[in-house]
Amino acid sequence: MSEQREIVDYLKSRRSVTAPFLAEPGPNADQLAELLEIATRVPDHGMVVPWRLVIIAGDERAKAGEKLAQIAKSNDPSISEEMIEMERNRFLPAPMTIGVISTASIHPKVPELEQLLSAGCVCMNLVHGANALGFAAHWVTRWFAFDKAATKMLGAKDNEQFVGFVHIGTSTITPQERARPAIADVVEYWSS
């Protein structure tokens, strides 16, 4: 395998663009098909395919947001109107959000943690794939990744969990670099 500096440079400069700064256009049908192919090309010990994806796009974004607002109100009847409106807009303005669900289960040879990490890799590949196709992306979880009523409404089955929601669209800003940890602070060499 030969060195590919363009990929190295991309990986060293990748930045997320948060959902409020993602706009149309989003991926078209052909781009989405390619993005999903990229997303699902991840480590998968035992080929158990321990994840599923749910696409929230078009008019369904507002409908999902309305249902989130209803769940939020049910969870906290004193929630402010401002917070209700924020829930209504959870999947806006990004043209598309892809929820990644971990379907990890007991397996005789594949630990659940490996299965969960495979689902996390799907999220990261969605981010990289979106960027490679000329879009920007933002991987988040938020409260609705952990709330049983919300996860069910968004497509998770019993014993499944969302590991992330990846918002995808065209960036309306130039992302700025942020502070990164010093390598010496987070890396050490093992020795006996």
N, C-alpha and C. Protein backbone atom coordinates (compact mmCIF):
# COMPACT_ATOMS: atom_id res chain seq x y z
N MET A 1 0.85 -1.18 0.00
CA MET A 1 0.00 0.00 0.00
C MET A 1 0.89 1.24 0.00
N SER A 2 0.60 2.18 -0.84
CA SER A 2 1.44 3.38 -0.93
C SER A 2 0.88 4.50 -0.05
N GLU A 3 1.77 5.41 0.30
CA GLU A 3 1.36 6.56 1.10
C GLU A 3 0.40 7.43 0.29
N GLN A 4 -0.62 7.93 0.97
CA GLN A 4 -1.61 8.79 0.31
C GLN A 4 -1.74 10.08 1.12
N ARG A 5 -0.89 11.04 0.79
CA ARG A 5 -0.80 12.29 1.56
C ARG A 5 -2.12 13.04 1.61
N GLU A 6 -2.92 13.01 0.56
CA GLU A 6 -4.19 13.72 0.59
C GLU A 6 -5.07 13.21 1.72
N ILE A 7 -5.09 11.90 1.91
CA ILE A 7 -5.89 11.32 3.00
C ILE A 7 -5.29 11.70 4.34
N VAL A 8 -3.99 11.64 4.47
CA VAL A 8 -3.33 12.03 5.72
C VAL A 8 -3.65 13.49 6.05
N ASP A 9 -3.52 14.36 5.06
CA ASP A 9 -3.81 15.78 5.29
C ASP A 9 -5.27 16.00 5.68
N TYR A 10 -6.18 15.27 5.02
CA TYR A 10 -7.59 15.38 5.38
C TYR A 10 -7.80 14.95 6.84
N LEU A 11 -7.26 13.79 7.21
CA LEU A 11 -7.46 13.28 8.57
C LEU A 11 -6.88 14.22 9.62
N LYS A 12 -5.80 14.91 9.28
CA LYS A 12 -5.18 15.84 10.23
C LYS A 12 -5.93 17.17 10.32
N SER A 13 -6.86 17.42 9.40
CA SER A 13 -7.56 18.71 9.40
C SER A 13 -9.08 18.58 9.52
N ARG A 14 -9.59 17.36 9.62
CA ARG A 14 -11.04 17.16 9.68
C ARG A 14 -11.67 17.93 10.83
N ARG A 15 -12.79 18.54 10.56
CA ARG A 15 -13.54 19.27 11.59
C ARG A 15 -15.01 18.98 11.43
N SER A 16 -15.71 18.95 12.55
CA SER A 16 -17.17 18.83 12.51
C SER A 16 -17.77 20.21 12.26
N VAL A 17 -18.94 20.21 11.65
CA VAL A 17 -19.74 21.43 11.51
C VAL A 17 -21.05 21.13 12.20
N THR A 18 -21.36 21.88 13.25
CA THR A 18 -22.54 21.58 14.05
C THR A 18 -23.82 21.77 13.26
N ALA A 19 -24.84 21.02 13.68
CA ALA A 19 -26.11 20.96 12.95
C ALA A 19 -26.70 22.31 12.57
N PRO A 20 -26.66 23.33 13.44
CA PRO A 20 -27.26 24.62 13.03
C PRO A 20 -26.61 25.25 11.80
N PHE A 21 -25.41 24.79 11.44
CA PHE A 21 -24.69 25.38 10.31
C PHE A 21 -24.64 24.43 9.12
N LEU A 22 -25.58 23.47 9.08
CA LEU A 22 -25.70 22.56 7.95
C LEU A 22 -26.97 22.91 7.19
N ALA A 23 -26.85 23.06 5.88
CA ALA A 23 -27.99 23.48 5.06
C ALA A 23 -28.07 22.61 3.82
N GLU A 24 -29.11 22.86 3.03
CA GLU A 24 -29.24 22.21 1.72
C GLU A 24 -28.11 22.71 0.82
N PRO A 25 -27.68 21.92 -0.12
CA PRO A 25 -28.18 20.58 -0.40
C PRO A 25 -27.52 19.53 0.47
N GLY A 26 -28.24 18.43 0.61
CA GLY A 26 -27.69 17.24 1.23
C GLY A 26 -27.40 16.23 0.15
N PRO A 27 -26.99 15.04 0.54
CA PRO A 27 -26.70 14.02 -0.46
C PRO A 27 -27.92 13.66 -1.30
N ASN A 28 -27.70 13.50 -2.61
CA ASN A 28 -28.78 13.00 -3.48
C ASN A 28 -28.80 11.47 -3.35
N ALA A 29 -29.68 10.81 -4.08
CA ALA A 29 -29.85 9.36 -3.93
C ALA A 29 -28.56 8.59 -4.23
N ASP A 30 -27.85 8.98 -5.29
CA ASP A 30 -26.60 8.28 -5.63
C ASP A 30 -25.53 8.52 -4.58
N GLN A 31 -25.43 9.77 -4.11
CA GLN A 31 -24.44 10.08 -3.08
C GLN A 31 -24.77 9.36 -1.78
N LEU A 32 -26.06 9.29 -1.45
CA LEU A 32 -26.46 8.59 -0.23
C LEU A 32 -26.11 7.10 -0.32
N ALA A 33 -26.35 6.49 -1.48
CA ALA A 33 -26.00 5.08 -1.65
C ALA A 33 -24.51 4.87 -1.44
N GLU A 34 -23.71 5.77 -1.99
CA GLU A 34 -22.25 5.65 -1.82
C GLU A 34 -21.86 5.89 -0.37
N LEU A 35 -22.48 6.87 0.27
CA LEU A 35 -22.21 7.17 1.67
C LEU A 35 -22.54 5.97 2.56
N LEU A 36 -23.66 5.32 2.31
CA LEU A 36 -24.03 4.15 3.12
C LEU A 36 -23.07 2.99 2.90
N GLU A 37 -22.57 2.85 1.69
CA GLU A 37 -21.57 1.82 1.42
C GLU A 37 -20.29 2.09 2.21
N ILE A 38 -19.87 3.35 2.23
CA ILE A 38 -18.69 3.75 2.99
C ILE A 38 -18.94 3.53 4.48
N ALA A 39 -20.09 3.95 4.95
CA ALA A 39 -20.41 3.89 6.38
C ALA A 39 -20.35 2.47 6.92
N THR A 40 -20.78 1.52 6.13
CA THR A 40 -20.88 0.15 6.64
C THR A 40 -19.63 -0.69 6.35
N ARG A 41 -18.59 -0.06 5.86
CA ARG A 41 -17.32 -0.75 5.63
C ARG A 41 -16.44 -0.54 6.87
N VAL A 42 -16.77 -1.26 7.91
CA VAL A 42 -16.12 -1.08 9.21
C VAL A 42 -15.64 -2.42 9.76
N PRO A 43 -14.75 -2.40 10.76
CA PRO A 43 -14.38 -3.64 11.42
C PRO A 43 -15.64 -4.31 11.99
N ASP A 44 -15.75 -5.59 11.77
CA ASP A 44 -16.94 -6.34 12.20
C ASP A 44 -16.52 -7.79 12.47
N HIS A 45 -15.94 -7.98 13.65
CA HIS A 45 -15.47 -9.31 14.07
C HIS A 45 -16.61 -10.32 13.96
N GLY A 46 -16.37 -11.40 13.24
CA GLY A 46 -17.39 -12.45 13.09
C GLY A 46 -18.46 -12.12 12.07
N MET A 47 -18.36 -10.99 11.43
CA MET A 47 -19.36 -10.54 10.44
C MET A 47 -20.78 -10.66 11.00
N VAL A 48 -20.97 -10.15 12.21
CA VAL A 48 -22.29 -10.23 12.84
C VAL A 48 -23.18 -9.03 12.50
N VAL A 49 -22.62 -8.02 11.85
CA VAL A 49 -23.35 -6.81 11.44
C VAL A 49 -24.17 -6.29 12.63
N PRO A 50 -23.46 -5.80 13.67
CA PRO A 50 -24.14 -5.41 14.91
C PRO A 50 -24.66 -3.98 14.93
N TRP A 51 -25.29 -3.55 13.84
CA TRP A 51 -25.80 -2.18 13.75
C TRP A 51 -26.84 -2.09 12.65
N ARG A 52 -27.65 -1.06 12.77
CA ARG A 52 -28.65 -0.70 11.74
C ARG A 52 -28.62 0.82 11.62
N LEU A 53 -29.12 1.32 10.50
CA LEU A 53 -29.16 2.76 10.28
C LEU A 53 -30.60 3.20 9.99
N VAL A 54 -30.94 4.37 10.50
CA VAL A 54 -32.26 4.98 10.27
C VAL A 54 -32.02 6.37 9.69
N ILE A 55 -32.58 6.61 8.52
CA ILE A 55 -32.39 7.90 7.84
C ILE A 55 -33.61 8.78 8.10
N ILE A 56 -33.35 9.99 8.56
CA ILE A 56 -34.39 10.98 8.81
C ILE A 56 -34.12 12.13 7.83
N ALA A 57 -35.00 12.28 6.85
CA ALA A 57 -34.76 13.27 5.79
C ALA A 57 -36.09 13.86 5.32
N GLY A 58 -35.99 14.92 4.54
CA GLY A 58 -37.19 15.53 3.97
C GLY A 58 -38.16 16.01 5.03
N ASP A 59 -39.46 15.85 4.75
CA ASP A 59 -40.50 16.29 5.68
C ASP A 59 -40.50 15.50 6.99
N GLU A 60 -39.90 14.32 6.97
CA GLU A 60 -39.86 13.49 8.18
C GLU A 60 -39.03 14.14 9.29
N ARG A 61 -38.13 15.04 8.94
CA ARG A 61 -37.31 15.73 9.96
C ARG A 61 -38.21 16.51 10.92
N ALA A 62 -39.14 17.28 10.37
CA ALA A 62 -40.03 18.08 11.21
C ALA A 62 -40.99 17.19 11.99
N LYS A 63 -41.45 16.11 11.37
CA LYS A 63 -42.35 15.18 12.07
C LYS A 63 -41.65 14.52 13.24
N ALA A 64 -40.40 14.09 13.04
CA ALA A 64 -39.64 13.49 14.14
C ALA A 64 -39.41 14.51 15.25
N GLY A 65 -39.12 15.75 14.87
CA GLY A 65 -38.92 16.80 15.87
C GLY A 65 -40.18 17.07 16.67
N GLU A 66 -41.32 17.07 16.01
CA GLU A 66 -42.59 17.28 16.71
C GLU A 66 -42.82 16.17 17.73
N LYS A 67 -42.53 14.94 17.34
CA LYS A 67 -42.70 13.82 18.28
C LYS A 67 -41.71 13.91 19.43
N LEU A 68 -40.48 14.37 19.15
CA LEU A 68 -39.52 14.57 20.24
C LEU A 68 -40.04 15.63 21.22
N ALA A 69 -40.60 16.69 20.68
CA ALA A 69 -41.15 17.75 21.53
C ALA A 69 -42.26 17.19 22.44
N GLN A 70 -43.11 16.34 21.89
CA GLN A 70 -44.18 15.73 22.69
C GLN A 70 -43.60 14.85 23.80
N ILE A 71 -42.57 14.07 23.47
CA ILE A 71 -41.94 13.21 24.48
C ILE A 71 -41.27 14.06 25.55
N ALA A 72 -40.58 15.12 25.14
CA ALA A 72 -39.93 16.01 26.10
C ALA A 72 -40.96 16.63 27.03
N LYS A 73 -42.11 17.04 26.50
CA LYS A 73 -43.19 17.63 27.32
C LYS A 73 -43.76 16.59 28.28
N SER A 74 -43.90 15.36 27.81
CA SER A 74 -44.39 14.28 28.66
C SER A 74 -43.40 13.99 29.79
N ASN A 75 -42.11 14.05 29.48
CA ASN A 75 -41.07 13.80 30.49
C ASN A 75 -40.98 14.93 31.50
N ASP A 76 -41.28 16.14 31.08
CA ASP A 76 -41.16 17.32 31.95
C ASP A 76 -42.26 18.31 31.61
N PRO A 77 -43.43 18.18 32.25
CA PRO A 77 -44.55 19.07 31.94
C PRO A 77 -44.24 20.57 32.13
N SER A 78 -43.18 20.88 32.89
CA SER A 78 -42.84 22.29 33.12
C SER A 78 -41.82 22.82 32.11
N ILE A 79 -41.52 22.03 31.09
CA ILE A 79 -40.53 22.45 30.09
C ILE A 79 -40.98 23.75 29.42
N SER A 80 -40.03 24.63 29.17
CA SER A 80 -40.35 25.93 28.59
C SER A 80 -40.72 25.80 27.11
N GLU A 81 -41.44 26.78 26.63
CA GLU A 81 -41.80 26.80 25.20
C GLU A 81 -40.55 26.91 24.34
N GLU A 82 -39.54 27.61 24.84
CA GLU A 82 -38.28 27.73 24.10
C GLU A 82 -37.63 26.36 23.92
N MET A 83 -37.66 25.54 24.98
CA MET A 83 -37.08 24.20 24.89
C MET A 83 -37.92 23.29 24.00
N ILE A 84 -39.24 23.45 24.06
CA ILE A 84 -40.12 22.67 23.17
C ILE A 84 -39.79 22.97 21.71
N GLU A 85 -39.60 24.25 21.42
CA GLU A 85 -39.26 24.66 20.05
C GLU A 85 -37.90 24.09 19.63
N MET A 86 -36.97 24.05 20.56
CA MET A 86 -35.66 23.48 20.26
C MET A 86 -35.80 22.00 19.89
N GLU A 87 -36.65 21.27 20.61
CA GLU A 87 -36.86 19.86 20.30
C GLU A 87 -37.53 19.70 18.93
N ARG A 88 -38.47 20.57 18.63
CA ARG A 88 -39.13 20.51 17.32
C ARG A 88 -38.13 20.64 16.17
N ASN A 89 -37.06 21.37 16.42
CA ASN A 89 -36.07 21.65 15.37
C ASN A 89 -34.82 20.79 15.46
N ARG A 90 -34.85 19.72 16.25
CA ARG A 90 -33.67 18.88 16.45
C ARG A 90 -33.06 18.37 15.16
N PHE A 91 -33.87 18.06 14.17
CA PHE A 91 -33.36 17.51 12.92
C PHE A 91 -33.35 18.54 11.80
N LEU A 92 -33.43 19.81 12.17
CA LEU A 92 -33.38 20.91 11.22
C LEU A 92 -32.23 21.82 11.64
N PRO A 93 -31.60 22.52 10.78
CA PRO A 93 -31.83 22.63 9.35
C PRO A 93 -31.08 21.60 8.51
N ALA A 94 -30.30 20.70 9.14
CA ALA A 94 -29.55 19.71 8.36
C ALA A 94 -30.49 18.96 7.42
N PRO A 95 -30.12 18.80 6.16
CA PRO A 95 -30.99 18.12 5.21
C PRO A 95 -31.23 16.66 5.54
N MET A 96 -30.30 16.06 6.29
CA MET A 96 -30.42 14.63 6.55
C MET A 96 -29.72 14.29 7.86
N THR A 97 -30.33 13.39 8.61
CA THR A 97 -29.69 12.84 9.80
C THR A 97 -29.77 11.32 9.68
N ILE A 98 -28.67 10.67 9.97
CA ILE A 98 -28.65 9.21 9.97
C ILE A 98 -28.38 8.75 11.39
N GLY A 99 -29.36 8.05 11.95
CA GLY A 99 -29.21 7.47 13.27
C GLY A 99 -28.56 6.10 13.15
N VAL A 100 -27.57 5.84 13.99
CA VAL A 100 -26.89 4.56 13.98
C VAL A 100 -27.26 3.82 15.27
N ILE A 101 -27.83 2.64 15.08
CA ILE A 101 -28.32 1.83 16.19
C ILE A 101 -27.39 0.65 16.39
N SER A 102 -26.95 0.45 17.62
CA SER A 102 -26.19 -0.74 17.96
C SER A 102 -27.18 -1.87 18.24
N THR A 103 -26.96 -3.01 17.59
CA THR A 103 -27.78 -4.20 17.81
C THR A 103 -26.97 -5.26 18.55
N ALA A 104 -25.94 -4.80 19.27
CA ALA A 104 -25.04 -5.71 19.98
C ALA A 104 -25.83 -6.69 20.85
N SER A 105 -25.38 -7.94 20.84
CA SER A 105 -26.04 -8.97 21.64
C SER A 105 -25.01 -9.99 22.10
N ILE A 106 -25.42 -10.87 22.97
CA ILE A 106 -24.53 -11.92 23.45
C ILE A 106 -24.12 -12.80 22.27
N HIS A 107 -22.83 -13.01 22.14
CA HIS A 107 -22.30 -13.84 21.06
C HIS A 107 -21.16 -14.67 21.66
N PRO A 108 -21.05 -15.94 21.28
CA PRO A 108 -20.02 -16.79 21.89
C PRO A 108 -18.58 -16.37 21.59
N LYS A 109 -18.35 -15.66 20.51
CA LYS A 109 -16.98 -15.29 20.14
C LYS A 109 -16.74 -13.79 19.99
N VAL A 110 -17.80 -13.01 19.95
CA VAL A 110 -17.65 -11.57 19.70
C VAL A 110 -18.20 -10.80 20.90
N PRO A 111 -17.31 -10.24 21.72
CA PRO A 111 -17.78 -9.48 22.89
C PRO A 111 -18.72 -8.34 22.50
N GLU A 112 -19.67 -8.06 23.36
CA GLU A 112 -20.61 -6.97 23.08
C GLU A 112 -19.90 -5.64 22.87
N LEU A 113 -18.82 -5.42 23.60
CA LEU A 113 -18.08 -4.17 23.44
C LEU A 113 -17.55 -4.04 22.01
N GLU A 114 -17.03 -5.10 21.43
CA GLU A 114 -16.56 -5.04 20.05
C GLU A 114 -17.70 -4.70 19.10
N GLN A 115 -18.86 -5.25 19.37
CA GLN A 115 -20.01 -4.97 18.52
C GLN A 115 -20.42 -3.51 18.63
N LEU A 116 -20.41 -2.99 19.86
CA LEU A 116 -20.75 -1.59 20.09
C LEU A 116 -19.74 -0.67 19.40
N LEU A 117 -18.47 -1.00 19.51
CA LEU A 117 -17.44 -0.19 18.86
C LEU A 117 -17.59 -0.22 17.35
N SER A 118 -18.02 -1.35 16.79
CA SER A 118 -18.26 -1.43 15.35
C SER A 118 -19.33 -0.42 14.94
N ALA A 119 -20.38 -0.29 15.75
CA ALA A 119 -21.43 0.70 15.46
C ALA A 119 -20.87 2.12 15.54
N GLY A 120 -19.97 2.36 16.50
CA GLY A 120 -19.32 3.67 16.58
C GLY A 120 -18.50 3.95 15.34
N CYS A 121 -17.86 2.91 14.81
CA CYS A 121 -17.09 3.07 13.56
C CYS A 121 -18.00 3.46 12.40
N VAL A 122 -19.23 2.94 12.39
CA VAL A 122 -20.19 3.34 11.35
C VAL A 122 -20.41 4.85 11.43
N CYS A 123 -20.58 5.38 12.64
CA CYS A 123 -20.77 6.82 12.81
C CYS A 123 -19.57 7.59 12.25
N MET A 124 -18.37 7.15 12.60
CA MET A 124 -17.18 7.87 12.14
C MET A 124 -17.04 7.77 10.63
N ASN A 125 -17.37 6.61 10.06
CA ASN A 125 -17.30 6.49 8.60
C ASN A 125 -18.36 7.36 7.92
N LEU A 126 -19.51 7.55 8.55
CA LEU A 126 -20.50 8.48 8.00
C LEU A 126 -19.92 9.89 7.94
N VAL A 127 -19.22 10.29 8.99
CA VAL A 127 -18.61 11.62 9.01
C VAL A 127 -17.56 11.73 7.92
N HIS A 128 -16.65 10.75 7.85
CA HIS A 128 -15.60 10.79 6.84
C HIS A 128 -16.18 10.70 5.43
N GLY A 129 -17.17 9.82 5.24
CA GLY A 129 -17.79 9.67 3.92
C GLY A 129 -18.48 10.95 3.48
N ALA A 130 -19.21 11.58 4.40
CA ALA A 130 -19.89 12.84 4.07
C ALA A 130 -18.87 13.89 3.64
N ASN A 131 -17.78 13.99 4.41
CA ASN A 131 -16.73 14.96 4.06
C ASN A 131 -16.12 14.64 2.70
N ALA A 132 -15.86 13.36 2.44
CA ALA A 132 -15.24 12.95 1.17
C ALA A 132 -16.15 13.28 -0.02
N LEU A 133 -17.46 13.28 0.21
CA LEU A 133 -18.41 13.59 -0.86
C LEU A 133 -18.69 15.10 -0.97
N GLY A 134 -17.99 15.90 -0.17
CA GLY A 134 -18.12 17.35 -0.27
C GLY A 134 -19.13 17.96 0.70
N PHE A 135 -19.61 17.18 1.65
CA PHE A 135 -20.56 17.68 2.64
C PHE A 135 -19.85 17.85 3.98
N ALA A 136 -20.58 18.34 4.95
CA ALA A 136 -20.08 18.44 6.31
C ALA A 136 -20.98 17.59 7.19
N ALA A 137 -20.49 17.24 8.38
CA ALA A 137 -21.26 16.36 9.25
C ALA A 137 -21.00 16.68 10.71
N HIS A 138 -21.95 16.22 11.54
CA HIS A 138 -21.89 16.44 12.99
C HIS A 138 -22.46 15.20 13.67
N TRP A 139 -21.63 14.50 14.44
CA TRP A 139 -22.04 13.29 15.17
C TRP A 139 -22.38 13.67 16.59
N VAL A 140 -23.62 13.39 17.00
CA VAL A 140 -24.08 13.70 18.36
C VAL A 140 -24.90 12.52 18.90
N THR A 141 -25.18 12.58 20.19
CA THR A 141 -26.13 11.64 20.77
C THR A 141 -27.36 12.41 21.25
N ARG A 142 -27.22 13.25 22.24
CA ARG A 142 -28.32 14.01 22.84
C ARG A 142 -29.21 13.09 23.70
N TRP A 143 -30.14 13.67 24.41
CA TRP A 143 -30.99 12.93 25.35
C TRP A 143 -31.81 11.86 24.68
N PHE A 144 -32.22 12.10 23.46
CA PHE A 144 -33.12 11.17 22.78
C PHE A 144 -32.43 9.89 22.34
N ALA A 145 -31.11 9.81 22.48
CA ALA A 145 -30.40 8.55 22.22
C ALA A 145 -30.54 7.60 23.40
N PHE A 146 -31.00 8.11 24.54
CA PHE A 146 -31.05 7.32 25.77
C PHE A 146 -32.45 7.19 26.36
N ASP A 147 -33.38 7.98 25.89
CA ASP A 147 -34.75 7.96 26.39
C ASP A 147 -35.52 6.84 25.68
N LYS A 148 -36.11 5.92 26.45
CA LYS A 148 -36.76 4.74 25.86
C LYS A 148 -37.88 5.11 24.89
N ALA A 149 -38.73 6.07 25.26
CA ALA A 149 -39.82 6.45 24.35
C ALA A 149 -39.27 7.07 23.07
N ALA A 150 -38.24 7.90 23.20
CA ALA A 150 -37.66 8.55 22.02
C ALA A 150 -36.95 7.54 21.13
N THR A 151 -36.17 6.65 21.73
CA THR A 151 -35.46 5.68 20.90
C THR A 151 -36.43 4.77 20.16
N LYS A 152 -37.50 4.39 20.83
CA LYS A 152 -38.50 3.55 20.16
C LYS A 152 -39.16 4.32 19.01
N MET A 153 -39.54 5.56 19.27
CA MET A 153 -40.16 6.38 18.23
C MET A 153 -39.24 6.55 17.03
N LEU A 154 -37.92 6.63 17.28
CA LEU A 154 -36.95 6.85 16.21
C LEU A 154 -36.50 5.56 15.53
N GLY A 155 -36.98 4.42 16.02
CA GLY A 155 -36.72 3.18 15.29
C GLY A 155 -35.94 2.10 16.00
N ALA A 156 -35.49 2.34 17.22
CA ALA A 156 -34.77 1.29 17.95
C ALA A 156 -35.76 0.27 18.50
N LYS A 157 -35.34 -0.97 18.48
CA LYS A 157 -36.14 -2.05 19.04
C LYS A 157 -35.67 -2.33 20.46
N ASP A 158 -36.40 -3.19 21.18
CA ASP A 158 -35.95 -3.59 22.51
C ASP A 158 -34.53 -4.13 22.43
N ASN A 159 -33.73 -3.84 23.42
CA ASN A 159 -32.34 -4.30 23.51
C ASN A 159 -31.43 -3.71 22.43
N GLU A 160 -31.84 -2.61 21.81
CA GLU A 160 -30.98 -1.87 20.89
C GLU A 160 -30.78 -0.47 21.47
N GLN A 161 -29.71 0.18 21.02
CA GLN A 161 -29.48 1.55 21.47
C GLN A 161 -28.84 2.36 20.36
N PHE A 162 -29.18 3.63 20.33
CA PHE A 162 -28.53 4.54 19.40
C PHE A 162 -27.13 4.84 19.91
N VAL A 163 -26.15 4.80 19.01
CA VAL A 163 -24.80 5.22 19.37
C VAL A 163 -24.50 6.59 18.80
N GLY A 164 -25.37 7.08 17.95
CA GLY A 164 -25.17 8.41 17.42
C GLY A 164 -26.16 8.79 16.35
N PHE A 165 -26.26 10.08 16.17
CA PHE A 165 -27.03 10.67 15.08
C PHE A 165 -26.04 11.54 14.32
N VAL A 166 -25.91 11.29 13.03
CA VAL A 166 -24.96 12.05 12.22
C VAL A 166 -25.75 12.97 11.30
N HIS A 167 -25.68 14.27 11.60
CA HIS A 167 -26.34 15.29 10.78
C HIS A 167 -25.43 15.57 9.58
N ILE A 168 -26.02 15.64 8.39
CA ILE A 168 -25.23 15.81 7.17
C ILE A 168 -25.85 16.91 6.30
N GLY A 169 -25.01 17.77 5.76
CA GLY A 169 -25.48 18.81 4.85
C GLY A 169 -24.32 19.61 4.32
N THR A 170 -24.62 20.75 3.77
CA THR A 170 -23.62 21.65 3.23
C THR A 170 -23.31 22.71 4.28
N SER A 171 -22.05 22.89 4.56
CA SER A 171 -21.65 23.84 5.60
C SER A 171 -21.94 25.27 5.17
N THR A 172 -22.46 26.06 6.11
CA THR A 172 -22.68 27.48 5.86
C THR A 172 -21.59 28.33 6.50
N ILE A 173 -20.60 27.66 7.11
CA ILE A 173 -19.49 28.36 7.77
C ILE A 173 -18.17 27.70 7.37
N THR A 174 -17.08 28.38 7.68
CA THR A 174 -15.76 27.77 7.57
C THR A 174 -15.39 27.32 8.97
N PRO A 175 -15.29 26.01 9.19
CA PRO A 175 -15.00 25.55 10.56
C PRO A 175 -13.61 26.01 11.02
N GLN A 176 -13.54 26.42 12.25
CA GLN A 176 -12.28 26.89 12.82
C GLN A 176 -11.61 25.74 13.58
N GLU A 177 -10.30 25.76 13.59
CA GLU A 177 -9.56 24.76 14.35
C GLU A 177 -9.80 24.99 15.83
N ARG A 178 -9.78 23.92 16.59
CA ARG A 178 -9.92 24.04 18.04
C ARG A 178 -8.71 23.39 18.69
N ALA A 179 -8.53 23.65 19.96
CA ALA A 179 -7.40 23.08 20.69
C ALA A 179 -7.51 21.55 20.71
N ARG A 180 -6.41 20.90 20.52
CA ARG A 180 -6.33 19.44 20.56
C ARG A 180 -5.38 19.06 21.68
N PRO A 181 -5.53 17.85 22.23
CA PRO A 181 -4.62 17.47 23.31
C PRO A 181 -3.19 17.30 22.79
N ALA A 182 -2.25 17.61 23.65
CA ALA A 182 -0.85 17.37 23.30
C ALA A 182 -0.64 15.86 23.27
N ILE A 183 -0.03 15.36 22.20
CA ILE A 183 0.17 13.92 22.05
C ILE A 183 0.88 13.34 23.27
N ALA A 184 1.87 14.04 23.80
CA ALA A 184 2.62 13.56 24.96
C ALA A 184 1.72 13.39 26.19
N ASP A 185 0.60 14.12 26.24
CA ASP A 185 -0.31 14.01 27.38
C ASP A 185 -1.24 12.82 27.30
N VAL A 186 -1.41 12.25 26.12
CA VAL A 186 -2.40 11.18 25.95
C VAL A 186 -1.81 9.87 25.43
N VAL A 187 -0.49 9.85 25.19
CA VAL A 187 0.14 8.65 24.65
C VAL A 187 1.31 8.24 25.54
N GLU A 188 1.42 6.96 25.79
CA GLU A 188 2.56 6.44 26.49
C GLU A 188 2.96 5.12 25.86
N TYR A 189 4.19 4.73 26.04
CA TYR A 189 4.68 3.46 25.53
C TYR A 189 4.69 2.46 26.67
N TRP A 190 4.12 1.30 26.42
CA TRP A 190 4.12 0.25 27.42
C TRP A 190 5.49 -0.37 27.50
N SER A 191 5.90 -0.70 28.69
CA SER A 191 7.14 -1.45 28.88
C SER A 191 6.98 -2.34 30.10
N SER A 192 7.72 -3.42 30.10
CA SER A 192 7.60 -4.37 31.23
C SER A 192 8.55 -4.00 32.34
